[in-house]
Amino acid sequence: MDSVVDLNRIANVLRPLAADVITLQEIDNGTERTDGVDQARRLGELLGMEAHFGDFMPYRRGQYGMAVLTKLPVLGVANIGLPDGEEPRTALEVRVAVGREGRETSVVGIHF
């Protein structure tokens, strides 16, 4: 709420959730405004999770989009284009194996 982007602070908020999957919106990958940081990868490292990024559009010499972080085995990833609004948008689907049986489950992050 203080307009400061601090990935360590964000990780400290998310860590106690002990989530298997986290979807993130409005993520920068290599942009000037975040000093070239791959935010999804860095948050994944901080949380011990695998990161997957899906771009909406190029932005300030990088990309802007969605991300999914997971501790579960990943079976596939798809960045699905949605009809454009004020900006391009996508739905980022990550298919994961859940439980002992490895049941395939889709997790989809969407931002309109």
PDB file of N, CA and C in Angstrom:
ATOM      1  N   MET A   1       0.810  -1.197   0.000  1.00  0.00           N
ATOM      2  CA  MET A   1       0.000   0.000   0.000  1.00  0.00           C
ATOM      3  C   MET A   1       0.857   1.266   0.000  1.00  0.00           C
ATOM      4  N   ASP A   2       2.190   1.117   0.139  1.00  0.00           N
ATOM      5  CA  ASP A   2       3.066   2.288   0.172  1.00  0.00           C
ATOM      6  C   ASP A   2       3.760   2.534  -1.166  1.00  0.00           C
ATOM      7  N   SER A   3       3.330   1.830  -2.217  1.00  0.00           N
ATOM      8  CA  SER A   3       3.874   1.975  -3.577  1.00  0.00           C
ATOM      9  C   SER A   3       5.332   1.540  -3.701  1.00  0.00           C
ATOM     10  N   VAL A   4       5.842   0.793  -2.743  1.00  0.00           N
ATOM     11  CA  VAL A   4       7.201   0.263  -2.805  1.00  0.00           C
ATOM     12  C   VAL A   4       7.128  -1.191  -3.259  1.00  0.00           C
ATOM     13  N   VAL A   5       7.862  -1.516  -4.338  1.00  0.00           N
ATOM     14  CA  VAL A   5       7.918  -2.897  -4.805  1.00  0.00           C
ATOM     15  C   VAL A   5       9.122  -3.557  -4.141  1.00  0.00           C
ATOM     16  N   ASP A   6       8.867  -4.483  -3.229  1.00  0.00           N
ATOM     17  CA  ASP A   6       9.914  -5.165  -2.478  1.00  0.00           C
ATOM     18  C   ASP A   6       9.594  -6.659  -2.506  1.00  0.00           C
ATOM     19  N   LEU A   7      10.297  -7.400  -3.362  1.00  0.00           N
ATOM     20  CA  LEU A   7       9.986  -8.822  -3.539  1.00  0.00           C
ATOM     21  C   LEU A   7      10.232  -9.628  -2.271  1.00  0.00           C
ATOM     22  N   ASN A   8      11.217  -9.250  -1.458  1.00  0.00           N
ATOM     23  CA  ASN A   8      11.427  -9.945  -0.183  1.00  0.00           C
ATOM     24  C   ASN A   8      10.228  -9.761   0.730  1.00  0.00           C
ATOM     25  N   ARG A   9       9.688  -8.567   0.768  1.00  0.00           N
ATOM     26  CA  ARG A   9       8.515  -8.289   1.606  1.00  0.00           C
ATOM     27  C   ARG A   9       7.302  -9.056   1.095  1.00  0.00           C
ATOM     28  N   ILE A  10       7.134  -9.109  -0.227  1.00  0.00           N
ATOM     29  CA  ILE A  10       6.022  -9.867  -0.809  1.00  0.00           C
ATOM     30  C   ILE A  10       6.163 -11.348  -0.462  1.00  0.00           C
ATOM     31  N   ALA A  11       7.380 -11.884  -0.581  1.00  0.00           N
ATOM     32  CA  ALA A  11       7.618 -13.295  -0.235  1.00  0.00           C
ATOM     33  C   ALA A  11       7.311 -13.551   1.237  1.00  0.00           C
ATOM     34  N   ASN A  12       7.634 -12.605   2.093  1.00  0.00           N
ATOM     35  CA  ASN A  12       7.356 -12.772   3.530  1.00  0.00           C
ATOM     36  C   ASN A  12       5.861 -12.801   3.823  1.00  0.00           C
ATOM     37  N   VAL A  13       5.063 -12.130   3.000  1.00  0.00           N
ATOM     38  CA  VAL A  13       3.604 -12.181   3.146  1.00  0.00           C
ATOM     39  C   VAL A  13       3.071 -13.519   2.631  1.00  0.00           C
ATOM     40  N   LEU A  14       3.619 -14.007   1.519  1.00  0.00           N
ATOM     41  CA  LEU A  14       3.122 -15.232   0.898  1.00  0.00           C
ATOM     42  C   LEU A  14       3.592 -16.508   1.608  1.00  0.00           C
ATOM     43  N   ARG A  15       4.792 -16.514   2.154  1.00  0.00           N
ATOM     44  CA  ARG A  15       5.386 -17.722   2.748  1.00  0.00           C
ATOM     45  C   ARG A  15       4.501 -18.388   3.793  1.00  0.00           C
ATOM     46  N   PRO A  16       3.914 -17.661   4.748  1.00  0.00           N
ATOM     47  CA  PRO A  16       3.092 -18.319   5.775  1.00  0.00           C
ATOM     48  C   PRO A  16       1.857 -19.036   5.222  1.00  0.00           C
ATOM     49  N   LEU A  17       1.460 -18.718   3.995  1.00  0.00           N
ATOM     50  CA  LEU A  17       0.314 -19.403   3.403  1.00  0.00           C
ATOM     51  C   LEU A  17       0.615 -20.873   3.130  1.00  0.00           C
ATOM     52  N   ALA A  18       1.903 -21.207   2.971  1.00  0.00           N
ATOM     53  CA  ALA A  18       2.325 -22.579   2.661  1.00  0.00           C
ATOM     54  C   ALA A  18       1.542 -23.133   1.469  1.00  0.00           C
ATOM     55  N   ALA A  19       1.319 -22.289   0.476  1.00  0.00           N
ATOM     56  CA  ALA A  19       0.532 -22.667  -0.696  1.00  0.00           C
ATOM     57  C   ALA A  19       1.315 -23.587  -1.622  1.00  0.00           C
ATOM     58  N   ASP A  20       0.607 -24.473  -2.295  1.00  0.00           N
ATOM     59  CA  ASP A  20       1.203 -25.305  -3.340  1.00  0.00           C
ATOM     60  C   ASP A  20       1.230 -24.565  -4.666  1.00  0.00           C
ATOM     61  N   VAL A  21       0.285 -23.638  -4.849  1.00  0.00           N
ATOM     62  CA  VAL A  21       0.189 -22.866  -6.088  1.00  0.00           C
ATOM     63  C   VAL A  21      -0.208 -21.427  -5.737  1.00  0.00           C
ATOM     64  N   ILE A  22       0.435 -20.473  -6.401  1.00  0.00           N
ATOM     65  CA  ILE A  22       0.111 -19.057  -6.232  1.00  0.00           C
ATOM     66  C   ILE A  22       0.023 -18.439  -7.622  1.00  0.00           C
ATOM     67  N   THR A  23      -1.048 -17.704  -7.903  1.00  0.00           N
ATOM     68  CA  THR A  23      -1.142 -16.964  -9.158  1.00  0.00           C
ATOM     69  C   THR A  23      -0.864 -15.494  -8.863  1.00  0.00           C
ATOM     70  N   LEU A  24      -0.171 -14.847  -9.781  1.00  0.00           N
ATOM     71  CA  LEU A  24       0.237 -13.450  -9.610  1.00  0.00           C
ATOM     72  C   LEU A  24      -0.192 -12.640 -10.818  1.00  0.00           C
ATOM     73  N   GLN A  25      -0.597 -11.412 -10.583  1.00  0.00           N
ATOM     74  CA  GLN A  25      -0.996 -10.502 -11.655  1.00  0.00           C
ATOM     75  C   GLN A  25      -0.040  -9.323 -11.704  1.00  0.00           C
ATOM     76  N   GLU A  26       0.014  -8.688 -12.880  1.00  0.00           N
ATOM     77  CA  GLU A  26       0.790  -7.473 -13.085  1.00  0.00           C
ATOM     78  C   GLU A  26       2.258  -7.675 -12.693  1.00  0.00           C
ATOM     79  N   ILE A  27       2.881  -8.641 -13.354  1.00  0.00           N
ATOM     80  CA  ILE A  27       4.266  -9.027 -13.087  1.00  0.00           C
ATOM     81  C   ILE A  27       5.173  -8.500 -14.195  1.00  0.00           C
ATOM     82  N   ASP A  28       6.315  -7.947 -13.791  1.00  0.00           N
ATOM     83  CA  ASP A  28       7.318  -7.470 -14.744  1.00  0.00           C
ATOM     84  C   ASP A  28       8.392  -8.529 -14.956  1.00  0.00           C
ATOM     85  N   ASN A  29       8.851  -8.607 -16.179  1.00  0.00           N
ATOM     86  CA  ASN A  29       9.952  -9.497 -16.527  1.00  0.00           C
ATOM     87  C   ASN A  29      10.963  -8.685 -17.333  1.00  0.00           C
ATOM     88  N   GLY A  30      12.031  -8.254 -16.671  1.00  0.00           N
ATOM     89  CA  GLY A  30      13.097  -7.546 -17.357  1.00  0.00           C
ATOM     90  C   GLY A  30      12.801  -6.110 -17.722  1.00  0.00           C
ATOM     91  N   THR A  31      11.819  -5.471 -17.101  1.00  0.00           N
ATOM     92  CA  THR A  31      11.471  -4.095 -17.475  1.00  0.00           C
ATOM     93  C   THR A  31      12.381  -3.085 -16.790  1.00  0.00           C
ATOM     94  N   GLU A  32      12.441  -1.900 -17.385  1.00  0.00           N
ATOM     95  CA  GLU A  32      13.224  -0.818 -16.797  1.00  0.00           C
ATOM     96  C   GLU A  32      12.690  -0.410 -15.419  1.00  0.00           C
ATOM     97  N   ARG A  33      11.354  -0.411 -15.263  1.00  0.00           N
ATOM     98  CA  ARG A  33      10.800   0.099 -13.998  1.00  0.00           C
ATOM     99  C   ARG A  33      11.146  -0.789 -12.812  1.00  0.00           C
ATOM    100  N   THR A  34      11.510  -2.058 -13.066  1.00  0.00           N
ATOM    101  CA  THR A  34      11.912  -2.944 -11.969  1.00  0.00           C
ATOM    102  C   THR A  34      13.376  -3.379 -12.125  1.00  0.00           C
ATOM    103  N   ASP A  35      14.170  -2.516 -12.744  1.00  0.00           N
ATOM    104  CA  ASP A  35      15.624  -2.717 -12.874  1.00  0.00           C
ATOM    105  C   ASP A  35      15.993  -4.036 -13.535  1.00  0.00           C
ATOM    106  N   GLY A  36      15.170  -4.482 -14.502  1.00  0.00           N
ATOM    107  CA  GLY A  36      15.491  -5.679 -15.267  1.00  0.00           C
ATOM    108  C   GLY A  36      15.246  -6.994 -14.547  1.00  0.00           C
ATOM    109  N   VAL A  37      14.611  -6.954 -13.395  1.00  0.00           N
ATOM    110  CA  VAL A  37      14.368  -8.168 -12.601  1.00  0.00           C
ATOM    111  C   VAL A  37      13.260  -9.005 -13.222  1.00  0.00           C
ATOM    112  N   ASP A  38      13.459 -10.310 -13.239  1.00  0.00           N
ATOM    113  CA  ASP A  38      12.414 -11.270 -13.581  1.00  0.00           C
ATOM    114  C   ASP A  38      11.675 -11.538 -12.268  1.00  0.00           C
ATOM    115  N   GLN A  39      10.592 -10.815 -12.025  1.00  0.00           N
ATOM    116  CA  GLN A  39       9.905 -10.880 -10.737  1.00  0.00           C
ATOM    117  C   GLN A  39       9.373 -12.267 -10.411  1.00  0.00           C
ATOM    118  N   ALA A  40       8.822 -12.961 -11.387  1.00  0.00           N
ATOM    119  CA  ALA A  40       8.279 -14.300 -11.134  1.00  0.00           C
ATOM    120  C   ALA A  40       9.392 -15.256 -10.709  1.00  0.00           C
ATOM    121  N   ARG A  41      10.490 -15.244 -11.452  1.00  0.00           N
ATOM    122  CA  ARG A  41      11.608 -16.138 -11.117  1.00  0.00           C
ATOM    123  C   ARG A  41      12.141 -15.828  -9.724  1.00  0.00           C
ATOM    124  N   ARG A  42      12.307 -14.539  -9.409  1.00  0.00           N
ATOM    125  CA  ARG A  42      12.852 -14.152  -8.107  1.00  0.00           C
ATOM    126  C   ARG A  42      11.912 -14.545  -6.977  1.00  0.00           C
ATOM    127  N   LEU A  43      10.618 -14.319  -7.128  1.00  0.00           N
ATOM    128  CA  LEU A  43       9.672 -14.748  -6.092  1.00  0.00           C
ATOM    129  C   LEU A  43       9.681 -16.266  -5.954  1.00  0.00           C
ATOM    130  N   GLY A  44       9.776 -16.974  -7.069  1.00  0.00           N
ATOM    131  CA  GLY A  44       9.874 -18.430  -7.010  1.00  0.00           C
ATOM    132  C   GLY A  44      11.090 -18.874  -6.216  1.00  0.00           C
ATOM    133  N   GLU A  45      12.227 -18.244  -6.457  1.00  0.00           N
ATOM    134  CA  GLU A  45      13.445 -18.575  -5.705  1.00  0.00           C
ATOM    135  C   GLU A  45      13.254 -18.322  -4.211  1.00  0.00           C
ATOM    136  N   LEU A  46      12.689 -17.176  -3.872  1.00  0.00           N
ATOM    137  CA  LEU A  46      12.493 -16.822  -2.470  1.00  0.00           C
ATOM    138  C   LEU A  46      11.546 -17.777  -1.754  1.00  0.00           C
ATOM    139  N   LEU A  47      10.592 -18.347  -2.485  1.00  0.00           N
ATOM    140  CA  LEU A  47       9.577 -19.220  -1.895  1.00  0.00           C
ATOM    141  C   LEU A  47       9.839 -20.702  -2.135  1.00  0.00           C
ATOM    142  N   GLY A  48      10.905 -21.035  -2.852  1.00  0.00           N
ATOM    143  CA  GLY A  48      11.178 -22.441  -3.159  1.00  0.00           C
ATOM    144  C   GLY A  48      10.147 -23.033  -4.099  1.00  0.00           C
ATOM    145  N   MET A  49       9.701 -22.240  -5.072  1.00  0.00           N
ATOM    146  CA  MET A  49       8.667 -22.673  -6.007  1.00  0.00           C
ATOM    147  C   MET A  49       9.147 -22.498  -7.442  1.00  0.00           C
ATOM    148  N   GLU A  50       8.580 -23.292  -8.334  1.00  0.00           N
ATOM    149  CA  GLU A  50       8.853 -23.159  -9.761  1.00  0.00           C
ATOM    150  C   GLU A  50       7.991 -22.027 -10.311  1.00  0.00           C
ATOM    151  N   ALA A  51       8.602 -21.141 -11.100  1.00  0.00           N
ATOM    152  CA  ALA A  51       7.887 -19.982 -11.630  1.00  0.00           C
ATOM    153  C   ALA A  51       7.613 -20.134 -13.117  1.00  0.00           C
ATOM    154  N   HIS A  52       6.407 -19.720 -13.521  1.00  0.00           N
ATOM    155  CA  HIS A  52       6.031 -19.688 -14.943  1.00  0.00           C
ATOM    156  C   HIS A  52       5.422 -18.327 -15.223  1.00  0.00           C
ATOM    157  N   PHE A  53       5.908 -17.679 -16.292  1.00  0.00           N
ATOM    158  CA  PHE A  53       5.486 -16.335 -16.654  1.00  0.00           C
ATOM    159  C   PHE A  53       4.759 -16.375 -17.987  1.00  0.00           C
ATOM    160  N   GLY A  54       3.691 -15.603 -18.106  1.00  0.00           N
ATOM    161  CA  GLY A  54       2.966 -15.445 -19.367  1.00  0.00           C
ATOM    162  C   GLY A  54       2.812 -13.966 -19.653  1.00  0.00           C
ATOM    163  N   ASP A  55       3.380 -13.508 -20.753  1.00  0.00           N
ATOM    164  CA  ASP A  55       3.360 -12.073 -21.041  1.00  0.00           C
ATOM    165  C   ASP A  55       2.053 -11.636 -21.679  1.00  0.00           C
ATOM    166  N   PHE A  56       1.635 -10.396 -21.316  1.00  0.00           N
ATOM    167  CA  PHE A  56       0.520  -9.723 -21.983  1.00  0.00           C
ATOM    168  C   PHE A  56       1.055  -8.938 -23.159  1.00  0.00           C
ATOM    169  N   MET A  57       2.186  -8.233 -22.888  1.00  0.00           N
ATOM    170  CA  MET A  57       2.673  -7.274 -23.882  1.00  0.00           C
ATOM    171  C   MET A  57       4.104  -6.859 -23.548  1.00  0.00           C
ATOM    172  N   PRO A  58       4.816  -6.358 -24.560  1.00  0.00           N
ATOM    173  CA  PRO A  58       6.121  -5.753 -24.282  1.00  0.00           C
ATOM    174  C   PRO A  58       5.910  -4.497 -23.440  1.00  0.00           C
ATOM    175  N   TYR A  59       6.858  -4.229 -22.546  1.00  0.00           N
ATOM    176  CA  TYR A  59       6.726  -3.050 -21.689  1.00  0.00           C
ATOM    177  C   TYR A  59       8.093  -2.583 -21.228  1.00  0.00           C
ATOM    178  N   ARG A  60       8.437  -1.346 -21.505  1.00  0.00           N
ATOM    179  CA  ARG A  60       9.675  -0.714 -21.058  1.00  0.00           C
ATOM    180  C   ARG A  60      10.891  -1.632 -21.130  1.00  0.00           C
ATOM    181  N   ARG A  61      11.143  -2.113 -22.341  1.00  0.00           N
ATOM    182  CA  ARG A  61      12.296  -2.978 -22.655  1.00  0.00           C
ATOM    183  C   ARG A  61      12.240  -4.339 -21.966  1.00  0.00           C
ATOM    184  N   GLY A  62      11.046  -4.768 -21.625  1.00  0.00           N
ATOM    185  CA  GLY A  62      10.849  -6.084 -21.032  1.00  0.00           C
ATOM    186  C   GLY A  62       9.461  -6.581 -21.381  1.00  0.00           C
ATOM    187  N   GLN A  63       8.888  -7.331 -20.467  1.00  0.00           N
ATOM    188  CA  GLN A  63       7.545  -7.872 -20.664  1.00  0.00           C
ATOM    189  C   GLN A  63       6.719  -7.645 -19.399  1.00  0.00           C
ATOM    190  N   TYR A  64       5.416  -7.609 -19.600  1.00  0.00           N
ATOM    191  CA  TYR A  64       4.459  -7.387 -18.529  1.00  0.00           C
ATOM    192  C   TYR A  64       3.408  -8.477 -18.634  1.00  0.00           C
ATOM    193  N   GLY A  65       3.023  -9.106 -17.509  1.00  0.00           N
ATOM    194  CA  GLY A  65       2.034 -10.163 -17.615  1.00  0.00           C
ATOM    195  C   GLY A  65       1.645 -10.802 -16.300  1.00  0.00           C
ATOM    196  N   MET A  66       1.430 -12.116 -16.380  1.00  0.00           N
ATOM    197  CA  MET A  66       0.948 -12.949 -15.276  1.00  0.00           C
ATOM    198  C   MET A  66       2.019 -13.958 -14.910  1.00  0.00           C
ATOM    199  N   ALA A  67       1.876 -14.551 -13.720  1.00  0.00           N
ATOM    200  CA  ALA A  67       2.769 -15.640 -13.341  1.00  0.00           C
ATOM    201  C   ALA A  67       2.020 -16.631 -12.463  1.00  0.00           C
ATOM    202  N   VAL A  68       2.500 -17.862 -12.491  1.00  0.00           N
ATOM    203  CA  VAL A  68       2.030 -18.898 -11.575  1.00  0.00           C
ATOM    204  C   VAL A  68       3.268 -19.500 -10.938  1.00  0.00           C
ATOM    205  N   LEU A  69       3.247 -19.616  -9.604  1.00  0.00           N
ATOM    206  CA  LEU A  69       4.305 -20.274  -8.849  1.00  0.00           C
ATOM    207  C   LEU A  69       3.735 -21.573  -8.309  1.00  0.00           C
ATOM    208  N   THR A  70       4.526 -22.644  -8.318  1.00  0.00           N
ATOM    209  CA  THR A  70       4.026 -23.915  -7.800  1.00  0.00           C
ATOM    210  C   THR A  70       5.139 -24.778  -7.223  1.00  0.00           C
ATOM    211  N   LYS A  71       4.752 -25.598  -6.251  1.00  0.00           N
ATOM    212  CA  LYS A  71       5.625 -26.621  -5.685  1.00  0.00           C
ATOM    213  C   LYS A  71       5.289 -27.988  -6.284  1.00  0.00           C
ATOM    214  N   LEU A  72       4.196 -28.069  -7.035  1.00  0.00           N
ATOM    215  CA  LEU A  72       3.719 -29.335  -7.594  1.00  0.00           C
ATOM    216  C   LEU A  72       4.413 -29.637  -8.921  1.00  0.00           C
ATOM    217  N   PRO A  73       4.472 -30.915  -9.302  1.00  0.00           N
ATOM    218  CA  PRO A  73       5.044 -31.260 -10.608  1.00  0.00           C
ATOM    219  C   PRO A  73       4.219 -30.632 -11.738  1.00  0.00           C
ATOM    220  N   VAL A  74       4.919 -29.965 -12.646  1.00  0.00           N
ATOM    221  CA  VAL A  74       4.255 -29.277 -13.755  1.00  0.00           C
ATOM    222  C   VAL A  74       4.175 -30.198 -14.969  1.00  0.00           C
ATOM    223  N   LEU A  75       2.979 -30.334 -15.525  1.00  0.00           N
ATOM    224  CA  LEU A  75       2.739 -31.180 -16.697  1.00  0.00           C
ATOM    225  C   LEU A  75       2.675 -30.373 -17.987  1.00  0.00           C
ATOM    226  N   GLY A  76       2.395 -29.072 -17.875  1.00  0.00           N
ATOM    227  CA  GLY A  76       2.316 -28.227 -19.063  1.00  0.00           C
ATOM    228  C   GLY A  76       1.918 -26.812 -18.708  1.00  0.00           C
ATOM    229  N   VAL A  77       2.238 -25.889 -19.610  1.00  0.00           N
ATOM    230  CA  VAL A  77       1.935 -24.474 -19.411  1.00  0.00           C
ATOM    231  C   VAL A  77       1.394 -23.906 -20.720  1.00  0.00           C
ATOM    232  N   ALA A  78       0.350 -23.076 -20.632  1.00  0.00           N
ATOM    233  CA  ALA A  78      -0.187 -22.405 -21.817  1.00  0.00           C
ATOM    234  C   ALA A  78      -0.561 -20.976 -21.453  1.00  0.00           C
ATOM    235  N   ASN A  79      -0.123 -20.039 -22.273  1.00  0.00           N
ATOM    236  CA  ASN A  79      -0.493 -18.635 -22.123  1.00  0.00           C
ATOM    237  C   ASN A  79      -1.538 -18.347 -23.200  1.00  0.00           C
ATOM    238  N   ILE A  80      -2.790 -18.218 -22.793  1.00  0.00           N
ATOM    239  CA  ILE A  80      -3.921 -18.165 -23.711  1.00  0.00           C
ATOM    240  C   ILE A  80      -4.378 -16.715 -23.890  1.00  0.00           C
ATOM    241  N   GLY A  81      -4.332 -16.237 -25.121  1.00  0.00           N
ATOM    242  CA  GLY A  81      -4.767 -14.875 -25.405  1.00  0.00           C
ATOM    243  C   GLY A  81      -6.254 -14.694 -25.174  1.00  0.00           C
ATOM    244  N   LEU A  82      -6.611 -13.578 -24.566  1.00  0.00           N
ATOM    245  CA  LEU A  82      -8.005 -13.206 -24.347  1.00  0.00           C
ATOM    246  C   LEU A  82      -8.321 -11.989 -25.212  1.00  0.00           C
ATOM    247  N   PRO A  83      -9.593 -11.693 -25.449  1.00  0.00           N
ATOM    248  CA  PRO A  83      -9.911 -10.478 -26.216  1.00  0.00           C
ATOM    249  C   PRO A  83      -9.320  -9.252 -25.525  1.00  0.00           C
ATOM    250  N   ASP A  84      -8.718  -8.376 -26.318  1.00  0.00           N
ATOM    251  CA  ASP A  84      -8.101  -7.175 -25.774  1.00  0.00           C
ATOM    252  C   ASP A  84      -9.143  -6.244 -25.177  1.00  0.00           C
ATOM    253  N   GLY A  85      -8.769  -5.591 -24.094  1.00  0.00           N
ATOM    254  CA  GLY A  85      -9.555  -4.516 -23.499  1.00  0.00           C
ATOM    255  C   GLY A  85      -8.744  -3.253 -23.660  1.00  0.00           C
ATOM    256  N   GLU A  86      -8.519  -2.538 -22.559  1.00  0.00           N
ATOM    257  CA  GLU A  86      -7.655  -1.366 -22.610  1.00  0.00           C
ATOM    258  C   GLU A  86      -6.215  -1.769 -22.937  1.00  0.00           C
ATOM    259  N   GLU A  87      -5.836  -2.966 -22.508  1.00  0.00           N
ATOM    260  CA  GLU A  87      -4.518  -3.543 -22.791  1.00  0.00           C
ATOM    261  C   GLU A  87      -4.743  -5.001 -23.178  1.00  0.00           C
ATOM    262  N   PRO A  88      -3.741  -5.622 -23.815  1.00  0.00           N
ATOM    263  CA  PRO A  88      -3.849  -7.060 -24.084  1.00  0.00           C
ATOM    264  C   PRO A  88      -3.926  -7.836 -22.764  1.00  0.00           C
ATOM    265  N   ARG A  89      -4.606  -8.958 -22.770  1.00  0.00           N
ATOM    266  CA  ARG A  89      -4.731  -9.799 -21.576  1.00  0.00           C
ATOM    267  C   ARG A  89      -4.607 -11.263 -21.966  1.00  0.00           C
ATOM    268  N   THR A  90      -4.193 -12.070 -20.993  1.00  0.00           N
ATOM    269  CA  THR A  90      -4.096 -13.508 -21.217  1.00  0.00           C
ATOM    270  C   THR A  90      -4.603 -14.254 -19.992  1.00  0.00           C
ATOM    271  N   ALA A  91      -4.816 -15.539 -20.176  1.00  0.00           N
ATOM    272  CA  ALA A  91      -5.068 -16.473 -19.085  1.00  0.00           C
ATOM    273  C   ALA A  91      -3.867 -17.413 -19.069  1.00  0.00           C
ATOM    274  N   LEU A  92      -3.178 -17.498 -17.940  1.00  0.00           N
ATOM    275  CA  LEU A  92      -2.009 -18.363 -17.826  1.00  0.00           C
ATOM    276  C   LEU A  92      -2.430 -19.658 -17.138  1.00  0.00           C
ATOM    277  N   GLU A  93      -2.409 -20.746 -17.913  1.00  0.00           N
ATOM    278  CA  GLU A  93      -2.784 -22.069 -17.392  1.00  0.00           C
ATOM    279  C   GLU A  93      -1.529 -22.876 -17.108  1.00  0.00           C
ATOM    280  N   VAL A  94      -1.468 -23.434 -15.895  1.00  0.00           N
ATOM    281  CA  VAL A  94      -0.403 -24.359 -15.534  1.00  0.00           C
ATOM    282  C   VAL A  94      -1.083 -25.657 -15.105  1.00  0.00           C
ATOM    283  N   ARG A  95      -0.760 -26.736 -15.811  1.00  0.00           N
ATOM    284  CA  ARG A  95      -1.301 -28.054 -15.467  1.00  0.00           C
ATOM    285  C   ARG A  95      -0.324 -28.737 -14.516  1.00  0.00           C
ATOM    286  N   VAL A  96      -0.838 -29.177 -13.351  1.00  0.00           N
ATOM    287  CA  VAL A  96       0.002 -29.779 -12.320  1.00  0.00           C
ATOM    288  C   VAL A  96      -0.527 -31.157 -11.942  1.00  0.00           C
ATOM    289  N   ALA A  97       0.365 -31.960 -11.356  1.00  0.00           N
ATOM    290  CA  ALA A  97      -0.011 -33.279 -10.841  1.00  0.00           C
ATOM    291  C   ALA A  97      -0.289 -33.132  -9.348  1.00  0.00           C
ATOM    292  N   VAL A  98      -1.480 -33.570  -8.919  1.00  0.00           N
ATOM    293  CA  VAL A  98      -1.908 -33.388  -7.537  1.00  0.00           C
ATOM    294  C   VAL A  98      -2.084 -34.738  -6.853  1.00  0.00           C
ATOM    295  N   GLY A  99      -1.638 -34.816  -5.610  1.00  0.00           N
ATOM    296  CA  GLY A  99      -1.839 -36.014  -4.790  1.00  0.00           C
ATOM    297  C   GLY A  99      -0.959 -37.175  -5.201  1.00  0.00           C
ATOM    298  N   ARG A 100      -1.098 -38.246  -4.453  1.00  0.00           N
ATOM    299  CA  ARG A 100      -0.305 -39.461  -4.714  1.00  0.00           C
ATOM    300  C   ARG A 100      -0.567 -40.044  -6.094  1.00  0.00           C
ATOM    301  N   GLU A 101      -1.809 -39.883  -6.549  1.00  0.00           N
ATOM    302  CA  GLU A 101      -2.186 -40.424  -7.860  1.00  0.00           C
ATOM    303  C   GLU A 101      -1.662 -39.556  -9.001  1.00  0.00           C
ATOM    304  N   GLY A 102      -1.203 -38.346  -8.687  1.00  0.00           N
ATOM    305  CA  GLY A 102      -0.729 -37.439  -9.735  1.00  0.00           C
ATOM    306  C   GLY A 102      -1.856 -36.958 -10.639  1.00  0.00           C
ATOM    307  N   ARG A 103      -3.025 -36.757 -10.062  1.00  0.00           N
ATOM    308  CA  ARG A 103      -4.196 -36.324 -10.830  1.00  0.00           C
ATOM    309  C   ARG A 103      -3.925 -34.974 -11.500  1.00  0.00           C
ATOM    310  N   GLU A 104      -4.113 -34.913 -12.810  1.00  0.00           N
ATOM    311  CA  GLU A 104      -3.872 -33.676 -13.544  1.00  0.00           C
ATOM    312  C   GLU A 104      -4.938 -32.648 -13.207  1.00  0.00           C
ATOM    313  N   THR A 105      -4.475 -31.463 -12.822  1.00  0.00           N
ATOM    314  CA  THR A 105      -5.359 -30.361 -12.455  1.00  0.00           C
ATOM    315  C   THR A 105      -4.841 -29.096 -13.113  1.00  0.00           C
ATOM    316  N   SER A 106      -5.743 -28.304 -13.658  1.00  0.00           N
ATOM    317  CA  SER A 106      -5.359 -27.022 -14.255  1.00  0.00           C
ATOM    318  C   SER A 106      -5.594 -25.903 -13.253  1.00  0.00           C
ATOM    319  N   VAL A 107      -4.603 -25.040 -13.151  1.00  0.00           N
ATOM    320  CA  VAL A 107      -4.716 -23.807 -12.373  1.00  0.00           C
ATOM    321  C   VAL A 107      -4.589 -22.681 -13.397  1.00  0.00           C
ATOM    322  N   VAL A 108      -5.539 -21.750 -13.381  1.00  0.00           N
ATOM    323  CA  VAL A 108      -5.537 -20.696 -14.381  1.00  0.00           C
ATOM    324  C   VAL A 108      -5.598 -19.346 -13.675  1.00  0.00           C
ATOM    325  N   GLY A 109      -4.599 -18.509 -13.958  1.00  0.00           N
ATOM    326  CA  GLY A 109      -4.612 -17.137 -13.479  1.00  0.00           C
ATOM    327  C   GLY A 109      -5.153 -16.248 -14.567  1.00  0.00           C
ATOM    328  N   ILE A 110      -6.125 -15.394 -14.231  1.00  0.00           N
ATOM    329  CA  ILE A 110      -6.750 -14.498 -15.213  1.00  0.00           C
ATOM    330  C   ILE A 110      -6.795 -13.100 -14.619  1.00  0.00           C
ATOM    331  N   HIS A 111      -6.467 -12.117 -15.449  1.00  0.00           N
ATOM    332  CA  HIS A 111      -6.542 -10.721 -15.019  1.00  0.00           C
ATOM    333  C   HIS A 111      -7.203  -9.927 -16.122  1.00  0.00           C
ATOM    334  N   PHE A 112      -8.355  -9.335 -15.833  1.00  0.00           N
ATOM    335  CA  PHE A 112      -9.085  -8.573 -16.844  1.00  0.00           C
ATOM    336  C   PHE A 112      -8.789  -7.099 -16.714  1.00  0.00           C
TER     337      PHE A 112
END
